[in-house]
Amino acid sequence: MGMYENDFESLKTSGAKKIRFEETGTLLVPCDWMEPPDLKIGRLNHHKSKQKECIYMYDQKKPTKRTAYHFKTSAKTDKRWKNWHSIGWQDLEVGYMWLSASYDSSPEYWHPTRVTWFIDCYHDGDPYNEFWGWVIYPPSVTYYDNNPDRGTRLEEED
């Protein structure tokens, strides 16, 4: 068990989830009415040019600089999840990021939401014997309503 595997064991009680590089996984969602997004985590490499359909993490100190962290979403995910944004930090062995997206909850709910995940990235040691990938923590969510005259769903049902 690698150095970071021990750290992850204690995180399981917090609901953290792991997805390896080059694998597809489902992110945790804060509300049971949300469809969880499916992501395919990319290989750990720098693309010289921006790859079609890849969503990149940008460096927090140089916001125009892409890092090696990137992913793709599925067609099913794209129906509800929009405006992906990722910013963070990467070095030779580890990194972290804040990943966020807007959730289109219409027509079931009227309040747009923005969900943010904090993610630790591990790529230290032997990838065949130690975990290389993302550890995704339970998300936070922000609800906002840009039309205060609209009312809530519960008020409309009465």
Protein backbone atom coordinates (compact mmCIF):
# COMPACT_ATOMS: atom_id res chain seq x y z
CA MET A 1 0.00 0.00 0.00
CA GLY A 2 1.45 3.33 -1.06
CA MET A 3 1.95 6.42 1.00
CA TYR A 4 -1.30 8.03 -0.22
CA GLU A 5 -3.38 4.84 0.06
CA ASN A 6 -3.11 5.08 3.86
CA ASP A 7 -4.41 8.64 3.72
CA PHE A 8 -7.35 7.57 1.58
CA GLU A 9 -8.47 4.86 4.02
CA SER A 10 -9.34 7.56 6.57
CA LEU A 11 -11.23 9.54 3.91
CA LYS A 12 -13.71 6.77 3.12
CA THR A 13 -15.79 7.80 6.12
CA SER A 14 -16.09 11.30 4.62
CA GLY A 15 -17.56 9.85 1.43
CA ALA A 16 -14.51 10.53 -0.76
CA LYS A 17 -14.33 8.57 -4.00
CA LYS A 18 -11.42 7.52 -6.24
CA ILE A 19 -11.22 7.44 -10.04
CA ARG A 20 -7.99 6.33 -11.70
CA PHE A 21 -6.43 8.08 -14.68
CA GLU A 22 -7.84 6.77 -17.99
CA GLU A 23 -10.97 5.40 -16.29
CA THR A 24 -14.59 6.52 -16.24
CA GLY A 25 -16.35 7.24 -12.99
CA THR A 26 -19.38 8.96 -11.57
CA LEU A 27 -18.99 12.02 -9.37
CA LEU A 28 -20.84 12.35 -6.09
CA VAL A 29 -23.83 14.72 -6.08
CA PRO A 30 -25.19 16.71 -3.14
CA CYS A 31 -28.91 16.13 -3.86
CA ASP A 32 -30.74 12.91 -4.64
CA TRP A 33 -32.74 14.59 -7.44
CA MET A 34 -29.55 15.34 -9.40
CA GLU A 35 -28.25 13.01 -12.10
CA PRO A 36 -24.60 12.27 -11.24
CA PRO A 37 -22.11 13.33 -13.91
CA ASP A 38 -19.97 10.68 -15.61
CA LEU A 39 -16.36 11.68 -16.33
CA LYS A 40 -13.58 9.95 -18.21
CA ILE A 41 -10.36 11.03 -16.53
CA GLY A 42 -7.62 11.63 -19.10
CA ARG A 43 -4.08 10.31 -19.17
CA LEU A 44 -1.61 12.37 -17.21
CA ASN A 45 -0.01 14.26 -20.09
CA HIS A 46 0.28 17.78 -21.41
CA HIS A 47 -1.46 18.43 -24.71
CA LYS A 48 0.48 20.85 -26.89
CA SER A 49 -2.78 21.94 -28.48
CA LYS A 50 -6.22 21.94 -26.94
CA GLN A 51 -7.94 18.60 -27.60
CA LYS A 52 -11.54 18.59 -28.78
CA GLU A 53 -14.09 17.80 -26.06
CA CYS A 54 -11.47 17.82 -23.28
CA ILE A 55 -12.07 19.98 -20.22
CA TYR A 56 -8.77 21.10 -18.70
CA MET A 57 -7.71 22.22 -15.27
CA TYR A 58 -5.99 25.59 -15.40
CA ASP A 59 -3.18 26.71 -13.11
CA GLN A 60 -4.39 28.87 -10.23
CA LYS A 61 -1.38 31.22 -10.49
CA LYS A 62 -1.40 31.39 -14.30
CA PRO A 63 -5.09 31.05 -15.27
CA THR A 64 -4.35 30.79 -19.00
CA LYS A 65 -1.94 27.83 -18.52
CA ARG A 66 -3.40 24.33 -18.92
CA THR A 67 -2.15 21.58 -16.63
CA ALA A 68 -1.93 17.87 -17.46
CA TYR A 69 -5.25 17.19 -15.67
CA HIS A 70 -8.21 16.88 -18.02
CA PHE A 71 -11.39 14.89 -18.57
CA LYS A 72 -14.29 14.32 -20.94
CA THR A 73 -17.99 14.16 -20.17
CA SER A 74 -20.55 11.74 -21.58
CA ALA A 75 -23.47 12.74 -23.81
CA LYS A 76 -25.84 11.89 -20.95
CA THR A 77 -23.90 14.15 -18.58
CA ASP A 78 -23.93 17.02 -21.08
CA LYS A 79 -27.74 17.18 -21.02
CA ARG A 80 -27.79 18.43 -17.43
CA TRP A 81 -24.26 19.57 -16.54
CA LYS A 82 -22.96 22.77 -18.18
CA ASN A 83 -20.24 25.42 -17.86
CA TRP A 84 -17.48 23.23 -16.43
CA HIS A 85 -14.61 25.11 -14.80
CA SER A 86 -11.49 23.74 -13.12
CA ILE A 87 -8.62 25.55 -11.47
CA GLY A 88 -5.87 24.30 -9.18
CA TRP A 89 -2.24 23.34 -8.80
CA GLN A 90 -0.01 20.52 -10.07
CA ASP A 91 3.58 19.48 -9.39
CA LEU A 92 5.54 16.32 -10.26
CA GLU A 93 3.83 14.00 -7.73
CA VAL A 94 0.53 15.49 -6.58
CA GLY A 95 -1.95 18.23 -7.27
CA TYR A 96 -5.37 19.52 -6.33
CA MET A 97 -8.25 21.30 -8.00
CA TRP A 98 -11.64 22.82 -7.57
CA LEU A 99 -13.97 21.51 -10.25
CA SER A 100 -17.38 23.09 -10.73
CA ALA A 101 -20.33 22.89 -13.08
CA SER A 102 -23.84 24.28 -13.37
CA TYR A 103 -26.72 21.83 -13.11
CA ASP A 104 -29.76 22.37 -15.29
CA SER A 105 -32.59 21.35 -12.99
CA SER A 106 -35.48 22.48 -15.20
CA PRO A 107 -38.29 21.62 -15.42
CA GLU A 108 -38.34 19.73 -12.09
CA TYR A 109 -36.85 22.56 -10.02
CA TRP A 110 -36.67 26.22 -10.82
CA HIS A 111 -33.49 27.15 -9.03
CA PRO A 112 -30.27 26.85 -11.03
CA THR A 113 -27.44 25.26 -9.07
CA ARG A 114 -23.66 25.33 -9.15
CA VAL A 115 -21.85 22.32 -7.70
CA THR A 116 -18.17 22.37 -6.67
CA TRP A 117 -15.95 19.38 -5.95
CA PHE A 118 -12.52 19.50 -4.31
CA ILE A 119 -10.19 16.92 -5.84
CA ASP A 120 -6.76 15.64 -4.82
CA CYS A 121 -4.65 14.24 -7.67
CA TYR A 122 -2.01 11.58 -7.06
CA HIS A 123 0.72 10.49 -9.47
CA ASP A 124 3.68 9.56 -7.28
CA GLY A 125 5.59 6.27 -7.37
CA ASP A 126 4.80 3.21 -9.45
CA PRO A 127 1.40 3.51 -11.20
CA TYR A 128 1.05 -0.30 -11.18
CA ASN A 129 1.48 -0.62 -7.41
CA GLU A 130 0.16 2.68 -6.08
CA PHE A 131 -2.98 4.69 -6.73
CA TRP A 132 -2.68 7.16 -9.60
CA GLY A 133 -5.77 9.25 -10.14
CA TRP A 134 -8.28 11.57 -8.52
CA VAL A 135 -9.72 11.49 -5.01
CA ILE A 136 -13.00 13.38 -5.15
CA TYR A 137 -14.51 14.75 -1.95
CA PRO A 138 -18.24 15.25 -1.35
CA PRO A 139 -19.37 18.37 -3.18
CA SER A 140 -20.73 21.66 -2.01
CA VAL A 141 -23.67 23.23 -3.80
CA THR A 142 -24.88 26.77 -4.36
CA TYR A 143 -28.48 27.50 -5.27
CA TYR A 144 -29.33 30.80 -6.83
CA ASP A 145 -32.39 32.39 -8.31
CA ASN A 146 -32.07 35.27 -10.71
CA ASN A 147 -35.81 36.00 -10.65
CA PRO A 148 -37.15 36.74 -7.15
CA ASP A 149 -40.73 37.23 -8.50
CA ARG A 150 -40.93 33.65 -9.73
CA GLY A 151 -41.73 31.99 -6.39
CA THR A 152 -40.83 28.49 -5.33
CA ARG A 153 -42.03 25.19 -6.71
CA LEU A 154 -43.96 24.48 -3.49
CA GLU A 155 -45.85 27.78 -3.75
CA GLU A 156 -46.86 26.95 -7.32
CA GLU A 157 -48.28 23.53 -6.32
CA ASP A 158 -50.64 24.94 -3.65
